[in-house]
């Protein structure tokens, strides 16, 4: 079964705030996690409620984000969506870490892998 991931963006980085993201990338990973489809979406309005609604209607399994209010975090996890919050860095690197099973909430990801640090 394919895995669907949403990452709110700020340029090429994971958006620092979930509720202020104006665009997002939808990633669909095939079962073998080698083939993937990416779709960049410009959101019609900056809104955490609308972003949550989009996550549910698009059938997302996972969200990788920066800061997220507790209310939205609790709602998404209650809906059985995995939320990796407090992630800072390029979204592609965060996705690579997720695919490898190495992504954790609070990760600070830099351009060079040897300089990456974990906050928790």
PDB file of N, CA and C in Angstrom:
ATOM      1  N   UNK A   1       0.835  -1.182   0.000  1.00  0.00           N
ATOM      2  CA  UNK A   1       0.000   0.000   0.000  1.00  0.00           C
ATOM      3  C   UNK A   1       0.882   1.249   0.000  1.00  0.00           C
ATOM      4  N   UNK A   2       0.650   2.189  -0.901  1.00  0.00           N
ATOM      5  CA  UNK A   2       1.476   3.392  -0.963  1.00  0.00           C
ATOM      6  C   UNK A   2       1.339   4.248   0.298  1.00  0.00           C
ATOM      7  N   UNK A   3       2.401   4.954   0.608  1.00  0.00           N
ATOM      8  CA  UNK A   3       2.396   5.877   1.740  1.00  0.00           C
ATOM      9  C   UNK A   3       2.282   7.292   1.192  1.00  0.00           C
ATOM     10  N   UNK A   4       1.395   8.095   1.790  1.00  0.00           N
ATOM     11  CA  UNK A   4       1.199   9.472   1.358  1.00  0.00           C
ATOM     12  C   UNK A   4       1.702  10.411   2.452  1.00  0.00           C
ATOM     13  N   UNK A   5       2.535  11.356   2.034  1.00  0.00           N
ATOM     14  CA  UNK A   5       3.205  12.269   2.970  1.00  0.00           C
ATOM     15  C   UNK A   5       2.930  13.695   2.543  1.00  0.00           C
ATOM     16  N   UNK A   6       2.632  14.551   3.502  1.00  0.00           N
ATOM     17  CA  UNK A   6       2.480  15.981   3.231  1.00  0.00           C
ATOM     18  C   UNK A   6       3.542  16.738   4.022  1.00  0.00           C
ATOM     19  N   UNK A   7       4.215  17.662   3.332  1.00  0.00           N
ATOM     20  CA  UNK A   7       5.222  18.502   3.974  1.00  0.00           C
ATOM     21  C   UNK A   7       4.898  19.961   3.644  1.00  0.00           C
ATOM     22  N   UNK A   8       4.474  20.755   4.640  1.00  0.00           N
ATOM     23  CA  UNK A   8       4.288  22.191   4.399  1.00  0.00           C
ATOM     24  C   UNK A   8       5.645  22.823   4.102  1.00  0.00           C
ATOM     25  N   UNK A   9       5.680  23.738   3.131  1.00  0.00           N
ATOM     26  CA  UNK A   9       6.955  24.285   2.668  1.00  0.00           C
ATOM     27  C   UNK A   9       7.094  25.783   2.890  1.00  0.00           C
ATOM     28  N   UNK A  10       8.347  26.184   3.017  1.00  0.00           N
ATOM     29  CA  UNK A  10       8.767  27.580   2.953  1.00  0.00           C
ATOM     30  C   UNK A  10       9.988  27.570   2.041  1.00  0.00           C
ATOM     31  N   UNK A  11       9.757  27.791   0.758  1.00  0.00           N
ATOM     32  CA  UNK A  11      10.833  27.640  -0.225  1.00  0.00           C
ATOM     33  C   UNK A  11      11.174  26.172  -0.362  1.00  0.00           C
ATOM     34  N   UNK A  12      12.442  25.809  -0.169  1.00  0.00           N
ATOM     35  CA  UNK A  12      12.890  24.406  -0.243  1.00  0.00           C
ATOM     36  C   UNK A  12      13.002  23.782   1.139  1.00  0.00           C
ATOM     37  N   UNK A  13      12.557  24.499   2.155  1.00  0.00           N
ATOM     38  CA  UNK A  13      12.666  24.042   3.542  1.00  0.00           C
ATOM     39  C   UNK A  13      11.311  23.587   4.080  1.00  0.00           C
ATOM     40  N   UNK A  14      11.347  22.781   5.138  1.00  0.00           N
ATOM     41  CA  UNK A  14      10.132  22.470   5.880  1.00  0.00           C
ATOM     42  C   UNK A  14       9.664  23.788   6.499  1.00  0.00           C
ATOM     43  N   UNK A  15       8.391  24.117   6.322  1.00  0.00           N
ATOM     44  CA  UNK A  15       7.871  25.388   6.835  1.00  0.00           C
ATOM     45  C   UNK A  15       8.055  25.464   8.348  1.00  0.00           C
ATOM     46  N   UNK A  16       8.529  26.605   8.845  1.00  0.00           N
ATOM     47  CA  UNK A  16       8.754  26.728  10.286  1.00  0.00           C
ATOM     48  C   UNK A  16       7.461  26.689  11.094  1.00  0.00           C
ATOM     49  N   UNK A  17       6.329  27.066  10.459  1.00  0.00           N
ATOM     50  CA  UNK A  17       5.043  27.020  11.158  1.00  0.00           C
ATOM     51  C   UNK A  17       3.988  26.393  10.268  1.00  0.00           C
ATOM     52  N   UNK A  18       3.352  25.367  10.779  1.00  0.00           N
ATOM     53  CA  UNK A  18       2.308  24.637  10.076  1.00  0.00           C
ATOM     54  C   UNK A  18       1.175  25.566   9.648  1.00  0.00           C
ATOM     55  N   UNK A  19       0.775  26.465  10.534  1.00  0.00           N
ATOM     56  CA  UNK A  19      -0.388  27.315  10.277  1.00  0.00           C
ATOM     57  C   UNK A  19      -0.128  28.469   9.321  1.00  0.00           C
ATOM     58  N   UNK A  20       1.124  28.705   8.946  1.00  0.00           N
ATOM     59  CA  UNK A  20       1.448  29.804   8.038  1.00  0.00           C
ATOM     60  C   UNK A  20       1.994  29.339   6.686  1.00  0.00           C
ATOM     61  N   UNK A  21       1.913  28.061   6.416  1.00  0.00           N
ATOM     62  CA  UNK A  21       2.434  27.526   5.154  1.00  0.00           C
ATOM     63  C   UNK A  21       1.512  27.905   3.999  1.00  0.00           C
ATOM     64  N   UNK A  22       2.100  28.460   2.941  1.00  0.00           N
ATOM     65  CA  UNK A  22       1.337  28.843   1.749  1.00  0.00           C
ATOM     66  C   UNK A  22       1.441  27.803   0.643  1.00  0.00           C
ATOM     67  N   UNK A  23       2.344  26.834   0.808  1.00  0.00           N
ATOM     68  CA  UNK A  23       2.467  25.757  -0.160  1.00  0.00           C
ATOM     69  C   UNK A  23       2.910  24.486   0.549  1.00  0.00           C
ATOM     70  N   UNK A  24       2.705  23.381  -0.128  1.00  0.00           N
ATOM     71  CA  UNK A  24       3.060  22.087   0.441  1.00  0.00           C
ATOM     72  C   UNK A  24       3.426  21.141  -0.690  1.00  0.00           C
ATOM     73  N   UNK A  25       4.154  20.101  -0.325  1.00  0.00           N
ATOM     74  CA  UNK A  25       4.461  19.049  -1.289  1.00  0.00           C
ATOM     75  C   UNK A  25       3.762  17.778  -0.817  1.00  0.00           C
ATOM     76  N   UNK A  26       3.083  17.116  -1.771  1.00  0.00           N
ATOM     77  CA  UNK A  26       2.479  15.816  -1.533  1.00  0.00           C
ATOM     78  C   UNK A  26       3.424  14.795  -2.128  1.00  0.00           C
ATOM     79  N   UNK A  27       3.798  13.802  -1.355  1.00  0.00           N
ATOM     80  CA  UNK A  27       4.677  12.744  -1.839  1.00  0.00           C
ATOM     81  C   UNK A  27       3.957  11.415  -1.660  1.00  0.00           C
ATOM     82  N   UNK A  28       3.938  10.628  -2.714  1.00  0.00           N
ATOM     83  CA  UNK A  28       3.380   9.285  -2.645  1.00  0.00           C
ATOM     84  C   UNK A  28       4.517   8.305  -2.890  1.00  0.00           C
ATOM     85  N   UNK A  29       4.751   7.447  -1.906  1.00  0.00           N
ATOM     86  CA  UNK A  29       5.788   6.417  -2.018  1.00  0.00           C
ATOM     87  C   UNK A  29       5.132   5.087  -2.319  1.00  0.00           C
ATOM     88  N   UNK A  30       5.634   4.400  -3.339  1.00  0.00           N
ATOM     89  CA  UNK A  30       5.133   3.059  -3.616  1.00  0.00           C
ATOM     90  C   UNK A  30       5.535   2.128  -2.492  1.00  0.00           C
ATOM     91  N   UNK A  31       5.004   0.937  -2.503  1.00  0.00           N
ATOM     92  CA  UNK A  31       5.238  -0.025  -1.435  1.00  0.00           C
ATOM     93  C   UNK A  31       6.729  -0.288  -1.211  1.00  0.00           C
ATOM     94  N   UNK A  32       7.511  -0.341  -2.291  1.00  0.00           N
ATOM     95  CA  UNK A  32       8.946  -0.605  -2.152  1.00  0.00           C
ATOM     96  C   UNK A  32       9.729   0.645  -1.744  1.00  0.00           C
ATOM     97  N   UNK A  33       9.069   1.790  -1.685  1.00  0.00           N
ATOM     98  CA  UNK A  33       9.626   3.083  -1.279  1.00  0.00           C
ATOM     99  C   UNK A  33      10.748   3.586  -2.182  1.00  0.00           C
ATOM    100  N   UNK A  34      10.900   2.990  -3.372  1.00  0.00           N
ATOM    101  CA  UNK A  34      11.902   3.488  -4.312  1.00  0.00           C
ATOM    102  C   UNK A  34      11.282   4.416  -5.335  1.00  0.00           C
ATOM    103  N   UNK A  35      10.085   4.099  -5.767  1.00  0.00           N
ATOM    104  CA  UNK A  35       9.382   4.961  -6.714  1.00  0.00           C
ATOM    105  C   UNK A  35       8.518   5.936  -5.942  1.00  0.00           C
ATOM    106  N   UNK A  36       8.591   7.198  -6.343  1.00  0.00           N
ATOM    107  CA  UNK A  36       7.771   8.189  -5.650  1.00  0.00           C
ATOM    108  C   UNK A  36       7.268   9.229  -6.626  1.00  0.00           C
ATOM    109  N   UNK A  37       6.128   9.793  -6.281  1.00  0.00           N
ATOM    110  CA  UNK A  37       5.543  10.884  -7.036  1.00  0.00           C
ATOM    111  C   UNK A  37       5.481  12.091  -6.118  1.00  0.00           C
ATOM    112  N   UNK A  38       5.843  13.245  -6.657  1.00  0.00           N
ATOM    113  CA  UNK A  38       5.799  14.486  -5.890  1.00  0.00           C
ATOM    114  C   UNK A  38       4.883  15.469  -6.596  1.00  0.00           C
ATOM    115  N   UNK A  39       4.088  16.177  -5.810  1.00  0.00           N
ATOM    116  CA  UNK A  39       3.201  17.186  -6.365  1.00  0.00           C
ATOM    117  C   UNK A  39       3.254  18.419  -5.468  1.00  0.00           C
ATOM    118  N   UNK A  40       3.655  19.546  -6.046  1.00  0.00           N
ATOM    119  CA  UNK A  40       3.699  20.805  -5.313  1.00  0.00           C
ATOM    120  C   UNK A  40       2.328  21.457  -5.393  1.00  0.00           C
ATOM    121  N   UNK A  41       1.803  21.864  -4.250  1.00  0.00           N
ATOM    122  CA  UNK A  41       0.477  22.460  -4.178  1.00  0.00           C
ATOM    123  C   UNK A  41       0.588  23.837  -3.534  1.00  0.00           C
ATOM    124  N   UNK A  42       0.070  24.841  -4.226  1.00  0.00           N
ATOM    125  CA  UNK A  42      -0.019  26.184  -3.652  1.00  0.00           C
ATOM    126  C   UNK A  42      -1.387  26.275  -2.994  1.00  0.00           C
ATOM    127  N   UNK A  43      -1.399  26.569  -1.711  1.00  0.00           N
ATOM    128  CA  UNK A  43      -2.641  26.603  -0.956  1.00  0.00           C
ATOM    129  C   UNK A  43      -3.397  27.893  -1.241  1.00  0.00           C
ATOM    130  N   UNK A  44      -4.720  27.816  -1.443  1.00  0.00           N
ATOM    131  CA  UNK A  44      -5.491  29.006  -1.777  1.00  0.00           C
ATOM    132  C   UNK A  44      -5.550  30.022  -0.636  1.00  0.00           C
ATOM    133  N   UNK A  45      -5.350  29.532   0.576  1.00  0.00           N
ATOM    134  CA  UNK A  45      -5.438  30.397   1.750  1.00  0.00           C
ATOM    135  C   UNK A  45      -4.577  29.792   2.852  1.00  0.00           C
ATOM    136  N   UNK A  46      -3.893  30.634   3.598  1.00  0.00           N
ATOM    137  CA  UNK A  46      -3.083  30.165   4.714  1.00  0.00           C
ATOM    138  C   UNK A  46      -4.025  29.885   5.886  1.00  0.00           C
ATOM    139  N   UNK A  47      -4.136  28.600   6.246  1.00  0.00           N
ATOM    140  CA  UNK A  47      -5.062  28.215   7.306  1.00  0.00           C
ATOM    141  C   UNK A  47      -4.723  26.816   7.797  1.00  0.00           C
ATOM    142  N   UNK A  48      -4.517  26.669   9.092  1.00  0.00           N
ATOM    143  CA  UNK A  48      -4.242  25.356   9.658  1.00  0.00           C
ATOM    144  C   UNK A  48      -5.448  24.438   9.516  1.00  0.00           C
ATOM    145  N   UNK A  49      -6.660  24.997   9.662  1.00  0.00           N
ATOM    146  CA  UNK A  49      -7.870  24.187   9.529  1.00  0.00           C
ATOM    147  C   UNK A  49      -8.001  23.624   8.112  1.00  0.00           C
ATOM    148  N   UNK A  50      -7.767  24.476   7.115  1.00  0.00           N
ATOM    149  CA  UNK A  50      -7.876  24.026   5.721  1.00  0.00           C
ATOM    150  C   UNK A  50      -6.776  23.026   5.380  1.00  0.00           C
ATOM    151  N   UNK A  51      -5.598  23.225   5.960  1.00  0.00           N
ATOM    152  CA  UNK A  51      -4.502  22.281   5.723  1.00  0.00           C
ATOM    153  C   UNK A  51      -4.845  20.919   6.337  1.00  0.00           C
ATOM    154  N   UNK A  52      -5.405  20.913   7.539  1.00  0.00           N
ATOM    155  CA  UNK A  52      -5.836  19.656   8.163  1.00  0.00           C
ATOM    156  C   UNK A  52      -6.908  18.978   7.312  1.00  0.00           C
ATOM    157  N   UNK A  53      -7.850  19.762   6.815  1.00  0.00           N
ATOM    158  CA  UNK A  53      -8.903  19.212   5.960  1.00  0.00           C
ATOM    159  C   UNK A  53      -8.297  18.585   4.700  1.00  0.00           C
ATOM    160  N   UNK A  54      -7.324  19.253   4.107  1.00  0.00           N
ATOM    161  CA  UNK A  54      -6.659  18.738   2.915  1.00  0.00           C
ATOM    162  C   UNK A  54      -5.919  17.435   3.231  1.00  0.00           C
ATOM    163  N   UNK A  55      -5.273  17.381   4.371  1.00  0.00           N
ATOM    164  CA  UNK A  55      -4.546  16.176   4.788  1.00  0.00           C
ATOM    165  C   UNK A  55      -5.500  14.996   4.859  1.00  0.00           C
ATOM    166  N   UNK A  56      -6.683  15.225   5.417  1.00  0.00           N
ATOM    167  CA  UNK A  56      -7.663  14.148   5.548  1.00  0.00           C
ATOM    168  C   UNK A  56      -8.303  13.772   4.213  1.00  0.00           C
ATOM    169  N   UNK A  57      -8.690  14.764   3.421  1.00  0.00           N
ATOM    170  CA  UNK A  57      -9.360  14.463   2.154  1.00  0.00           C
ATOM    171  C   UNK A  57      -8.421  13.821   1.141  1.00  0.00           C
ATOM    172  N   UNK A  58      -7.134  14.138   1.209  1.00  0.00           N
ATOM    173  CA  UNK A  58      -6.157  13.537   0.298  1.00  0.00           C
ATOM    174  C   UNK A  58      -5.652  12.184   0.794  1.00  0.00           C
ATOM    175  N   UNK A  59      -6.081  11.776   1.989  1.00  0.00           N
ATOM    176  CA  UNK A  59      -5.696  10.474   2.524  1.00  0.00           C
ATOM    177  C   UNK A  59      -4.241  10.369   2.934  1.00  0.00           C
ATOM    178  N   UNK A  60      -3.691  11.452   3.472  1.00  0.00           N
ATOM    179  CA  UNK A  60      -2.289  11.450   3.893  1.00  0.00           C
ATOM    180  C   UNK A  60      -2.102  10.538   5.106  1.00  0.00           C
ATOM    181  N   UNK A  61      -0.952   9.869   5.153  1.00  0.00           N
ATOM    182  CA  UNK A  61      -0.596   9.001   6.275  1.00  0.00           C
ATOM    183  C   UNK A  61       0.353   9.697   7.241  1.00  0.00           C
ATOM    184  N   UNK A  62       1.157  10.625   6.697  1.00  0.00           N
ATOM    185  CA  UNK A  62       2.255  11.215   7.451  1.00  0.00           C
ATOM    186  C   UNK A  62       2.356  12.696   7.138  1.00  0.00           C
ATOM    187  N   UNK A  63       2.687  13.485   8.179  1.00  0.00           N
ATOM    188  CA  UNK A  63       2.962  14.914   8.020  1.00  0.00           C
ATOM    189  C   UNK A  63       4.331  15.183   8.635  1.00  0.00           C
ATOM    190  N   UNK A  64       5.164  15.888   7.878  1.00  0.00           N
ATOM    191  CA  UNK A  64       6.458  16.362   8.389  1.00  0.00           C
ATOM    192  C   UNK A  64       6.343  17.877   8.441  1.00  0.00           C
ATOM    193  N   UNK A  65       6.525  18.458   9.622  1.00  0.00           N
ATOM    194  CA  UNK A  65       6.340  19.905   9.739  1.00  0.00           C
ATOM    195  C   UNK A  65       7.282  20.498  10.779  1.00  0.00           C
ATOM    196  N   UNK A  66       7.320  21.820  10.793  1.00  0.00           N
ATOM    197  CA  UNK A  66       8.069  22.537  11.821  1.00  0.00           C
ATOM    198  C   UNK A  66       7.179  22.668  13.048  1.00  0.00           C
ATOM    199  N   UNK A  67       6.930  23.898  13.471  1.00  0.00           N
ATOM    200  CA  UNK A  67       6.069  24.118  14.628  1.00  0.00           C
ATOM    201  C   UNK A  67       4.611  23.891  14.284  1.00  0.00           C
ATOM    202  N   UNK A  68       3.894  23.226  15.168  1.00  0.00           N
ATOM    203  CA  UNK A  68       2.462  22.973  14.989  1.00  0.00           C
ATOM    204  C   UNK A  68       1.791  23.155  16.344  1.00  0.00           C
ATOM    205  N   UNK A  69       0.655  23.828  16.344  1.00  0.00           N
ATOM    206  CA  UNK A  69      -0.071  24.029  17.591  1.00  0.00           C
ATOM    207  C   UNK A  69      -0.562  22.682  18.110  1.00  0.00           C
ATOM    208  N   UNK A  70      -0.588  22.564  19.424  1.00  0.00           N
ATOM    209  CA  UNK A  70      -0.979  21.319  20.083  1.00  0.00           C
ATOM    210  C   UNK A  70      -2.352  20.833  19.618  1.00  0.00           C
ATOM    211  N   UNK A  71      -3.285  21.738  19.424  1.00  0.00           N
ATOM    212  CA  UNK A  71      -4.644  21.398  18.991  1.00  0.00           C
ATOM    213  C   UNK A  71      -4.629  20.626  17.667  1.00  0.00           C
ATOM    214  N   UNK A  72      -3.839  21.097  16.701  1.00  0.00           N
ATOM    215  CA  UNK A  72      -3.781  20.448  15.394  1.00  0.00           C
ATOM    216  C   UNK A  72      -2.983  19.152  15.457  1.00  0.00           C
ATOM    217  N   UNK A  73      -1.927  19.148  16.253  1.00  0.00           N
ATOM    218  CA  UNK A  73      -1.138  17.932  16.453  1.00  0.00           C
ATOM    219  C   UNK A  73      -2.025  16.827  17.023  1.00  0.00           C
ATOM    220  N   UNK A  74      -2.779  17.148  18.074  1.00  0.00           N
ATOM    221  CA  UNK A  74      -3.658  16.163  18.707  1.00  0.00           C
ATOM    222  C   UNK A  74      -4.733  15.677  17.738  1.00  0.00           C
ATOM    223  N   UNK A  75      -5.292  16.599  16.970  1.00  0.00           N
ATOM    224  CA  UNK A  75      -6.335  16.237  16.014  1.00  0.00           C
ATOM    225  C   UNK A  75      -5.802  15.269  14.959  1.00  0.00           C
ATOM    226  N   UNK A  76      -4.650  15.589  14.376  1.00  0.00           N
ATOM    227  CA  UNK A  76      -4.087  14.732  13.332  1.00  0.00           C
ATOM    228  C   UNK A  76      -3.693  13.365  13.873  1.00  0.00           C
ATOM    229  N   UNK A  77      -3.089  13.326  15.052  1.00  0.00           N
ATOM    230  CA  UNK A  77      -2.704  12.023  15.616  1.00  0.00           C
ATOM    231  C   UNK A  77      -3.939  11.224  16.023  1.00  0.00           C
ATOM    232  N   UNK A  78      -4.994  11.908  16.451  1.00  0.00           N
ATOM    233  CA  UNK A  78      -6.254  11.239  16.761  1.00  0.00           C
ATOM    234  C   UNK A  78      -6.837  10.592  15.502  1.00  0.00           C
ATOM    235  N   UNK A  79      -6.610  11.230  14.361  1.00  0.00           N
ATOM    236  CA  UNK A  79      -7.061  10.695  13.074  1.00  0.00           C
ATOM    237  C   UNK A  79      -6.079   9.654  12.524  1.00  0.00           C
ATOM    238  N   UNK A  80      -5.118   9.250  13.341  1.00  0.00           N
ATOM    239  CA  UNK A  80      -4.130   8.209  13.003  1.00  0.00           C
ATOM    240  C   UNK A  80      -3.166   8.625  11.898  1.00  0.00           C
ATOM    241  N   UNK A  81      -2.791   9.892  11.913  1.00  0.00           N
ATOM    242  CA  UNK A  81      -1.793  10.401  10.981  1.00  0.00           C
ATOM    243  C   UNK A  81      -0.501  10.593  11.772  1.00  0.00           C
ATOM    244  N   UNK A  82       0.580  10.043  11.276  1.00  0.00           N
ATOM    245  CA  UNK A  82       1.873  10.202  11.943  1.00  0.00           C
ATOM    246  C   UNK A  82       2.357  11.637  11.715  1.00  0.00           C
ATOM    247  N   UNK A  83       2.712  12.313  12.797  1.00  0.00           N
ATOM    248  CA  UNK A  83       3.168  13.703  12.704  1.00  0.00           C
ATOM    249  C   UNK A  83       4.588  13.791  13.252  1.00  0.00           C
ATOM    250  N   UNK A  84       5.504  14.226  12.394  1.00  0.00           N
ATOM    251  CA  UNK A  84       6.875  14.507  12.802  1.00  0.00           C
ATOM    252  C   UNK A  84       6.972  16.018  12.875  1.00  0.00           C
ATOM    253  N   UNK A  85       6.968  16.558  14.088  1.00  0.00           N
ATOM    254  CA  UNK A  85       6.977  18.009  14.243  1.00  0.00           C
ATOM    255  C   UNK A  85       8.335  18.492  14.736  1.00  0.00           C
ATOM    256  N   UNK A  86       8.539  19.801  14.639  1.00  0.00           N
ATOM    257  CA  UNK A  86       9.801  20.395  15.068  1.00  0.00           C
ATOM    258  C   UNK A  86      10.952  20.085  14.133  1.00  0.00           C
ATOM    259  N   UNK A  87      10.652  19.666  12.906  1.00  0.00           N
ATOM    260  CA  UNK A  87      11.697  19.327  11.940  1.00  0.00           C
ATOM    261  C   UNK A  87      12.131  20.604  11.224  1.00  0.00           C
ATOM    262  N   UNK A  88      13.430  20.820  11.178  1.00  0.00           N
ATOM    263  CA  UNK A  88      14.007  22.000  10.538  1.00  0.00           C
ATOM    264  C   UNK A  88      14.985  21.529   9.469  1.00  0.00           C
ATOM    265  N   UNK A  89      14.878  22.114   8.265  1.00  0.00           N
ATOM    266  CA  UNK A  89      15.833  21.794   7.222  1.00  0.00           C
ATOM    267  C   UNK A  89      15.171  21.580   5.879  1.00  0.00           C
ATOM    268  N   UNK A  90      15.962  21.189   4.871  1.00  0.00           N
ATOM    269  CA  UNK A  90      15.444  20.958   3.527  1.00  0.00           C
ATOM    270  C   UNK A  90      14.435  19.808   3.519  1.00  0.00           C
ATOM    271  N   UNK A  91      13.333  19.999   2.831  1.00  0.00           N
ATOM    272  CA  UNK A  91      12.287  18.977   2.852  1.00  0.00           C
ATOM    273  C   UNK A  91      12.740  17.676   2.209  1.00  0.00           C
ATOM    274  N   UNK A  92      13.599  17.759   1.188  1.00  0.00           N
ATOM    275  CA  UNK A  92      14.062  16.529   0.531  1.00  0.00           C
ATOM    276  C   UNK A  92      14.872  15.666   1.495  1.00  0.00           C
ATOM    277  N   UNK A  93      15.704  16.306   2.305  1.00  0.00           N
ATOM    278  CA  UNK A  93      16.523  15.573   3.284  1.00  0.00           C
ATOM    279  C   UNK A  93      15.641  14.966   4.373  1.00  0.00           C
ATOM    280  N   UNK A  94      14.604  15.711   4.784  1.00  0.00           N
ATOM    281  CA  UNK A  94      13.672  15.176   5.780  1.00  0.00           C
ATOM    282  C   UNK A  94      12.951  13.952   5.225  1.00  0.00           C
ATOM    283  N   UNK A  95      12.556  14.013   3.961  1.00  0.00           N
ATOM    284  CA  UNK A  95      11.897  12.884   3.318  1.00  0.00           C
ATOM    285  C   UNK A  95      12.837  11.686   3.240  1.00  0.00           C
ATOM    286  N   UNK A  96      14.092  11.922   2.873  1.00  0.00           N
ATOM    287  CA  UNK A  96      15.073  10.834   2.820  1.00  0.00           C
ATOM    288  C   UNK A  96      15.209  10.158   4.184  1.00  0.00           C
ATOM    289  N   UNK A  97      15.247  10.968   5.236  1.00  0.00           N
ATOM    290  CA  UNK A  97      15.346  10.398   6.587  1.00  0.00           C
ATOM    291  C   UNK A  97      14.116   9.572   6.926  1.00  0.00           C
ATOM    292  N   UNK A  98      12.953  10.047   6.518  1.00  0.00           N
ATOM    293  CA  UNK A  98      11.723   9.300   6.781  1.00  0.00           C
ATOM    294  C   UNK A  98      11.772   7.952   6.070  1.00  0.00           C
ATOM    295  N   UNK A  99      12.173   7.954   4.814  1.00  0.00           N
ATOM    296  CA  UNK A  99      12.245   6.719   4.022  1.00  0.00           C
ATOM    297  C   UNK A  99      13.210   5.731   4.658  1.00  0.00           C
ATOM    298  N   UNK A 100      14.320   6.235   5.197  1.00  0.00           N
ATOM    299  CA  UNK A 100      15.322   5.369   5.836  1.00  0.00           C
ATOM    300  C   UNK A 100      14.927   4.953   7.255  1.00  0.00           C
ATOM    301  N   UNK A 101      13.841   5.522   7.771  1.00  0.00           N
ATOM    302  CA  UNK A 101      13.415   5.207   9.133  1.00  0.00           C
ATOM    303  C   UNK A 101      14.202   5.950  10.191  1.00  0.00           C
ATOM    304  N   UNK A 102      14.890   7.027   9.791  1.00  0.00           N
ATOM    305  CA  UNK A 102      15.747   7.753  10.724  1.00  0.00           C
ATOM    306  C   UNK A 102      15.177   9.105  11.147  1.00  0.00           C
ATOM    307  N   UNK A 103      14.020   9.512  10.622  1.00  0.00           N
ATOM    308  CA  UNK A 103      13.458  10.814  10.978  1.00  0.00           C
ATOM    309  C   UNK A 103      12.805  10.750  12.347  1.00  0.00           C
ATOM    310  N   UNK A 104      13.069  11.768  13.156  1.00  0.00           N
ATOM    311  CA  UNK A 104      12.473  11.908  14.484  1.00  0.00           C
ATOM    312  C   UNK A 104      11.958  13.330  14.632  1.00  0.00           C
ATOM    313  N   UNK A 105      10.915  13.490  15.413  1.00  0.00           N
ATOM    314  CA  UNK A 105      10.444  14.841  15.726  1.00  0.00           C
ATOM    315  C   UNK A 105      11.583  15.608  16.377  1.00  0.00           C
ATOM    316  N   UNK A 106      11.717  16.877  15.995  1.00  0.00           N
ATOM    317  CA  UNK A 106      12.768  17.719  16.553  1.00  0.00           C
ATOM    318  C   UNK A 106      14.084  17.661  15.806  1.00  0.00           C
ATOM    319  N   UNK A 107      14.166  16.892  14.728  1.00  0.00           N
ATOM    320  CA  UNK A 107      15.416  16.805  13.967  1.00  0.00           C
ATOM    321  C   UNK A 107      15.767  18.141  13.324  1.00  0.00           C
ATOM    322  N   UNK A 108      17.031  18.486  13.409  1.00  0.00           N
ATOM    323  CA  UNK A 108      17.589  19.641  12.710  1.00  0.00           C
ATOM    324  C   UNK A 108      18.481  19.067  11.624  1.00  0.00           C
ATOM    325  N   UNK A 109      18.089  19.308  10.381  1.00  0.00           N
ATOM    326  CA  UNK A 109      18.774  18.690   9.252  1.00  0.00           C
ATOM    327  C   UNK A 109      19.515  19.768   8.476  1.00  0.00           C
ATOM    328  N   UNK A 110      20.792  19.556   8.274  1.00  0.00           N
ATOM    329  CA  UNK A 110      21.615  20.511   7.543  1.00  0.00           C
ATOM    330  C   UNK A 110      21.959  19.926   6.175  1.00  0.00           C
ATOM    331  N   UNK A 111      22.663  20.704   5.369  1.00  0.00           N
ATOM    332  CA  UNK A 111      23.027  20.274   4.012  1.00  0.00           C
ATOM    333  C   UNK A 111      23.965  19.073   4.019  1.00  0.00           C
ATOM    334  N   UNK A 112      24.905  19.020   4.976  1.00  0.00           N
ATOM    335  CA  UNK A 112      25.838  17.909   5.020  1.00  0.00           C
ATOM    336  C   UNK A 112      25.388  16.903   6.093  1.00  0.00           C
ATOM    337  N   UNK A 113      25.282  15.622   5.741  1.00  0.00           N
ATOM    338  CA  UNK A 113      24.773  14.620   6.680  1.00  0.00           C
ATOM    339  C   UNK A 113      25.575  14.510   7.968  1.00  0.00           C
ATOM    340  N   UNK A 114      26.887  14.707   7.904  1.00  0.00           N
ATOM    341  CA  UNK A 114      27.692  14.564   9.129  1.00  0.00           C
ATOM    342  C   UNK A 114      27.450  15.700  10.115  1.00  0.00           C
ATOM    343  N   UNK A 115      26.836  16.782   9.666  1.00  0.00           N
ATOM    344  CA  UNK A 115      26.567  17.910  10.564  1.00  0.00           C
ATOM    345  C   UNK A 115      25.160  17.861  11.136  1.00  0.00           C
ATOM    346  N   UNK A 116      24.340  16.879  10.739  1.00  0.00           N
ATOM    347  CA  UNK A 116      22.967  16.787  11.255  1.00  0.00           C
ATOM    348  C   UNK A 116      22.976  16.530  12.753  1.00  0.00           C
ATOM    349  N   UNK A 117      22.001  17.110  13.413  1.00  0.00           N
ATOM    350  CA  UNK A 117      21.869  16.889  14.847  1.00  0.00           C
ATOM    351  C   UNK A 117      20.429  16.537  15.168  1.00  0.00           C
ATOM    352  N   UNK A 118      20.234  15.913  16.273  1.00  0.00           N
ATOM    353  CA  UNK A 118      18.894  15.592  16.755  1.00  0.00           C
ATOM    354  C   UNK A 118      18.672  16.390  18.026  1.00  0.00           C
ATOM    355  N   UNK A 119      17.493  16.984  18.125  1.00  0.00           N
ATOM    356  CA  UNK A 119      17.168  17.786  19.299  1.00  0.00           C
ATOM    357  C   UNK A 119      16.678  16.906  20.436  1.00  0.00           C
ATOM    358  N   UNK A 120      16.267  15.711  20.155  1.00  0.00           N
ATOM    359  CA  UNK A 120      15.695  14.907  21.238  1.00  0.00           C
ATOM    360  C   UNK A 120      15.912  13.515  20.982  1.00  0.00           C
TER     361      UNK A 120
END
